[in-house]
Amino acid sequence: MLFIAVLRPLVDICDIMNTQAAIFDMDGILIDSEPLWYEAANEAFMPYCIQLSPEEYAMSIGLRTKEFVEFWLKKYALDQEQAPLIEKKINALVISKIAQKGTVMPGVFSTLEQLKHRDFTIGLATSSPTSLIDVVVDKLNIRSYFSAFASAENLPFGKPHPQVYLNCAMALEQTPSKCICFEDSFNGLISAKSARMTCIAIPAPEFRHQPRFQAADLILNSLEEFDLDKFEGLRD
């Protein structure tokens, strides 16, 4: 058992180095927006006497806004007829907050540069609406790195369903098994793995201890730890 446990990271690194495309989740991976989503959700829910604790909010990270709202209205036994209005309010608040005070996550620029230098094709697959994708990539000035953007906004199912990742791979003209994904949420991790992709998980510090993230091929503290040269050296 010890022998397998020691070797597993090397197998994961080989999988990573055999990939040809990289697909990034957006919120919590490219931009530090999860605290802003949390603020927006509680502001939009306030008229309905819902105030989510950080632990409650964490349960639904990675869901689309529509599913997020429906989940909490059901949890608090409130009328689902209000869901579209609340969803619209949250999205508007988040777009405004990110445009005003969203900040880049550590290691984003160095990681994108490494992948670009090694001729990876790069995509983005998110549960967030397309309108927010535009705000984020333009605020961070990273649009030129990406060859495809995929949103689950109008899909029949969002994460943890794999469709948004499969759509992104198709747009990149890559086989899913040749894609490496970067995710911060468990719902996103399951989405990527269900698409048969290699997944690097970068959970928020308060969730990193959770055993369920061991389903990832590799766990990093931040993108600052991503080093293709180091991975290649370990593979060789």
Protein backbone atom coordinates (compact mmCIF):
# COMPACT_ATOMS: atom_id res chain seq x y z
CA MET A 1 0.00 0.00 0.00
CA LEU A 2 2.84 2.39 0.84
CA PHE A 3 4.46 1.64 -2.54
CA ILE A 4 1.25 2.61 -4.39
CA ALA A 5 0.82 5.75 -2.31
CA VAL A 6 4.35 6.91 -3.14
CA LEU A 7 4.07 6.19 -6.85
CA ARG A 8 0.65 7.70 -7.45
CA PRO A 9 1.81 11.36 -7.73
CA LEU A 10 4.32 10.33 -10.43
CA VAL A 11 1.57 8.63 -12.42
CA ASP A 12 -0.55 11.77 -12.08
CA ILE A 13 2.31 13.93 -13.31
CA CYS A 14 2.77 11.69 -16.36
CA ASP A 15 -0.93 12.12 -17.11
CA ILE A 16 -0.52 15.88 -16.85
CA MET A 17 2.46 15.95 -19.19
CA ASN A 18 0.63 13.89 -21.81
CA THR A 19 -2.07 16.53 -22.15
CA GLN A 20 -2.35 18.99 -25.05
CA ALA A 21 -4.97 21.44 -23.83
CA ALA A 22 -5.65 23.25 -20.58
CA ILE A 23 -9.13 24.27 -19.44
CA PHE A 24 -9.64 26.66 -16.55
CA ASP A 25 -12.60 27.14 -14.30
CA MET A 26 -13.07 30.87 -13.71
CA ASP A 27 -14.37 31.81 -10.25
CA GLY A 28 -11.81 30.97 -7.59
CA ILE A 29 -9.21 29.90 -10.17
CA LEU A 30 -8.63 32.94 -12.38
CA ILE A 31 -10.27 35.60 -10.24
CA ASP A 32 -10.85 35.84 -6.50
CA SER A 33 -14.59 36.15 -6.88
CA GLU A 34 -16.07 33.59 -4.48
CA PRO A 35 -16.22 36.13 -1.60
CA LEU A 36 -18.03 38.51 -3.97
CA TRP A 37 -20.53 35.81 -4.98
CA TYR A 38 -21.13 35.20 -1.27
CA GLU A 39 -21.75 38.91 -0.68
CA ALA A 40 -24.09 39.12 -3.67
CA ALA A 41 -26.07 36.04 -2.63
CA ASN A 42 -26.70 37.31 0.87
CA GLU A 43 -27.66 40.76 -0.41
CA ALA A 44 -30.15 39.25 -2.87
CA PHE A 45 -31.55 36.83 -0.27
CA MET A 46 -31.87 39.47 2.46
CA PRO A 47 -35.49 40.43 1.61
CA TYR A 48 -36.40 36.75 2.05
CA CYS A 49 -34.74 36.52 5.48
CA ILE A 50 -32.03 34.14 4.24
CA GLN A 51 -28.47 34.78 5.38
CA LEU A 52 -26.11 31.99 4.39
CA SER A 53 -23.22 31.11 6.65
CA PRO A 54 -19.84 30.51 4.98
CA GLU A 55 -20.33 26.78 5.58
CA GLU A 56 -23.75 26.81 3.93
CA TYR A 57 -22.48 28.78 0.95
CA ALA A 58 -19.63 26.28 0.48
CA MET A 59 -22.16 23.49 -0.05
CA SER A 60 -23.28 25.02 -3.35
CA ILE A 61 -20.06 26.43 -4.83
CA GLY A 62 -19.75 25.47 -8.49
CA LEU A 63 -23.48 25.43 -9.22
CA ARG A 64 -25.05 27.78 -11.74
CA THR A 65 -26.83 30.76 -10.21
CA LYS A 66 -30.21 29.30 -11.18
CA GLU A 67 -29.52 26.02 -9.39
CA PHE A 68 -27.88 27.83 -6.46
CA VAL A 69 -31.01 29.93 -5.92
CA GLU A 70 -33.42 27.01 -6.34
CA PHE A 71 -31.37 24.92 -3.90
CA TRP A 72 -31.55 27.50 -1.13
CA LEU A 73 -35.19 28.44 -1.69
CA LYS A 74 -36.07 24.76 -1.38
CA LYS A 75 -33.84 24.38 1.67
CA TYR A 76 -35.67 27.23 3.40
CA ALA A 77 -39.10 26.13 2.11
CA LEU A 78 -39.70 29.36 0.19
CA ASP A 79 -41.66 30.01 -3.00
CA GLN A 80 -39.70 29.03 -6.12
CA GLU A 81 -41.57 31.67 -8.12
CA GLN A 82 -39.09 34.23 -6.79
CA ALA A 83 -36.10 32.30 -8.19
CA PRO A 84 -35.75 34.12 -11.56
CA LEU A 85 -35.80 37.52 -9.87
CA ILE A 86 -33.21 36.50 -7.28
CA GLU A 87 -31.01 34.88 -9.93
CA LYS A 88 -31.06 38.07 -12.01
CA LYS A 89 -30.24 40.16 -8.94
CA ILE A 90 -27.29 37.98 -7.91
CA ASN A 91 -25.80 38.00 -11.42
CA ALA A 92 -26.11 41.78 -11.66
CA LEU A 93 -24.54 42.29 -8.24
CA VAL A 94 -21.65 39.92 -9.00
CA ILE A 95 -20.87 41.57 -12.33
CA SER A 96 -20.79 44.96 -10.63
CA LYS A 97 -18.68 43.77 -7.69
CA ILE A 98 -16.14 41.95 -9.86
CA ALA A 99 -15.84 44.90 -12.24
CA GLN A 100 -15.16 47.17 -9.26
CA LYS A 101 -12.98 45.07 -6.98
CA GLY A 102 -12.24 41.63 -8.43
CA THR A 103 -8.57 40.61 -8.14
CA VAL A 104 -6.52 38.04 -10.00
CA MET A 105 -5.70 34.78 -8.22
CA PRO A 106 -2.01 34.13 -7.45
CA GLY A 107 -0.06 32.42 -10.23
CA VAL A 108 -2.55 32.98 -13.05
CA PHE A 109 -0.25 34.95 -15.34
CA SER A 110 2.79 32.68 -14.86
CA THR A 111 0.67 29.57 -15.48
CA LEU A 112 -0.88 30.96 -18.64
CA GLU A 113 2.56 31.96 -19.91
CA GLN A 114 3.99 28.49 -19.24
CA LEU A 115 1.14 26.81 -21.10
CA LYS A 116 1.32 29.23 -24.01
CA HIS A 117 5.08 28.72 -24.27
CA ARG A 118 4.53 24.93 -24.52
CA ASP A 119 1.88 25.37 -27.25
CA PHE A 120 -1.06 24.23 -25.14
CA THR A 121 -4.43 25.32 -26.43
CA ILE A 122 -6.28 27.03 -23.59
CA GLY A 123 -9.98 27.20 -22.81
CA LEU A 124 -12.31 28.34 -20.05
CA ALA A 125 -15.30 26.35 -18.77
CA THR A 126 -17.51 27.94 -16.15
CA SER A 127 -20.94 27.75 -14.57
CA SER A 128 -21.10 31.55 -14.65
CA PRO A 129 -22.97 33.46 -17.37
CA THR A 130 -21.22 34.55 -20.55
CA SER A 131 -21.64 38.19 -19.57
CA LEU A 132 -19.42 37.56 -16.54
CA ILE A 133 -16.78 35.77 -18.63
CA ASP A 134 -16.37 38.95 -20.67
CA VAL A 135 -16.02 41.08 -17.53
CA VAL A 136 -13.38 38.81 -16.01
CA VAL A 137 -11.14 38.19 -19.02
CA ASP A 138 -11.15 41.85 -19.97
CA LYS A 139 -10.54 43.05 -16.40
CA LEU A 140 -7.57 40.71 -16.11
CA ASN A 141 -6.48 41.39 -19.72
CA ILE A 142 -6.10 37.66 -20.47
CA ARG A 143 -8.44 37.20 -23.44
CA SER A 144 -5.55 36.65 -25.86
CA TYR A 145 -4.49 33.45 -24.06
CA PHE A 146 -7.79 31.68 -24.68
CA SER A 147 -8.96 29.87 -27.81
CA ALA A 148 -12.41 28.95 -26.46
CA PHE A 149 -14.91 29.97 -23.80
CA ALA A 150 -17.73 27.71 -22.58
CA SER A 151 -20.52 28.63 -20.19
CA ALA A 152 -23.04 26.23 -18.66
CA GLU A 153 -25.53 29.11 -18.43
CA ASN A 154 -27.93 27.76 -21.08
CA LEU A 155 -27.10 24.05 -20.96
CA PRO A 156 -29.69 21.51 -19.74
CA PHE A 157 -27.36 20.69 -16.83
CA GLY A 158 -24.52 22.54 -15.13
CA LYS A 159 -21.60 21.27 -13.08
CA PRO A 160 -21.18 18.58 -11.74
CA HIS A 161 -22.50 17.41 -15.14
CA PRO A 162 -19.54 17.23 -17.58
CA GLN A 163 -21.20 18.93 -20.57
CA VAL A 164 -19.55 22.34 -20.17
CA TYR A 165 -16.10 20.71 -20.15
CA LEU A 166 -16.95 18.51 -23.12
CA ASN A 167 -18.20 21.57 -25.02
CA CYS A 168 -14.98 23.42 -24.29
CA ALA A 169 -12.84 20.47 -25.44
CA MET A 170 -14.88 20.29 -28.64
CA ALA A 171 -14.38 24.01 -29.25
CA LEU A 172 -10.63 23.53 -28.72
CA GLU A 173 -10.73 20.56 -31.13
CA GLN A 174 -9.17 18.37 -28.46
CA THR A 175 -9.97 14.88 -27.14
CA PRO A 176 -11.22 15.18 -23.54
CA SER A 177 -8.58 12.74 -22.30
CA LYS A 178 -5.91 15.12 -23.62
CA CYS A 179 -7.19 18.00 -21.50
CA ILE A 180 -5.99 19.13 -18.10
CA CYS A 181 -8.44 21.14 -15.97
CA PHE A 182 -7.96 23.53 -13.08
CA GLU A 183 -10.80 23.57 -10.53
CA ASP A 184 -11.39 24.96 -7.05
CA SER A 185 -14.79 23.40 -6.22
CA PHE A 186 -15.80 19.80 -5.68
CA ASN A 187 -18.71 20.16 -8.12
CA GLY A 188 -16.24 21.36 -10.75
CA LEU A 189 -13.81 18.55 -9.95
CA ILE A 190 -16.54 15.95 -10.51
CA SER A 191 -17.53 17.70 -13.74
CA ALA A 192 -13.97 17.52 -15.09
CA LYS A 193 -13.37 13.93 -14.02
CA SER A 194 -16.74 12.86 -15.47
CA ALA A 195 -15.54 14.31 -18.76
CA ARG A 196 -12.52 11.94 -18.45
CA MET A 197 -10.07 14.81 -18.07
CA THR A 198 -7.05 15.18 -15.82
CA CYS A 199 -7.94 17.59 -13.00
CA ILE A 200 -5.74 19.72 -10.79
CA ALA A 201 -7.69 20.89 -7.74
CA ILE A 202 -6.87 24.15 -6.00
CA PRO A 203 -9.41 24.30 -3.17
CA ALA A 204 -9.77 27.39 -1.01
CA PRO A 205 -7.64 27.03 2.16
CA GLU A 206 -10.67 26.44 4.38
CA PHE A 207 -11.74 23.42 2.26
CA ARG A 208 -8.34 21.95 1.40
CA HIS A 209 -8.45 19.45 4.26
CA GLN A 210 -11.61 17.79 2.94
CA PRO A 211 -10.90 14.16 1.90
CA ARG A 212 -13.21 14.40 -1.13
CA PHE A 213 -10.64 16.50 -3.00
CA GLN A 214 -8.44 13.40 -3.15
CA ALA A 215 -10.49 12.53 -6.23
CA ALA A 216 -8.32 15.06 -8.09
CA ASP A 217 -5.20 13.95 -9.97
CA LEU A 218 -3.15 16.58 -8.18
CA ILE A 219 -3.87 19.12 -5.42
CA LEU A 220 -2.04 22.46 -5.27
CA ASN A 221 -2.21 25.28 -2.76
CA SER A 222 -2.30 27.82 -5.59
CA LEU A 223 -1.39 28.22 -9.26
CA GLU A 224 1.93 29.64 -8.04
CA GLU A 225 2.97 26.01 -7.46
CA PHE A 226 2.26 24.99 -11.06
CA ASP A 227 5.62 24.43 -12.78
CA LEU A 228 5.73 22.47 -16.04
CA ASP A 229 9.50 22.14 -15.90
CA LYS A 230 9.30 20.55 -12.47
CA PHE A 231 6.63 18.11 -13.64
CA GLU A 232 8.70 17.13 -16.67
CA GLY A 233 11.75 16.51 -14.52
CA LEU A 234 9.80 14.22 -12.22
CA ARG A 235 8.38 12.36 -15.22
CA ASP A 236 11.83 11.75 -16.67
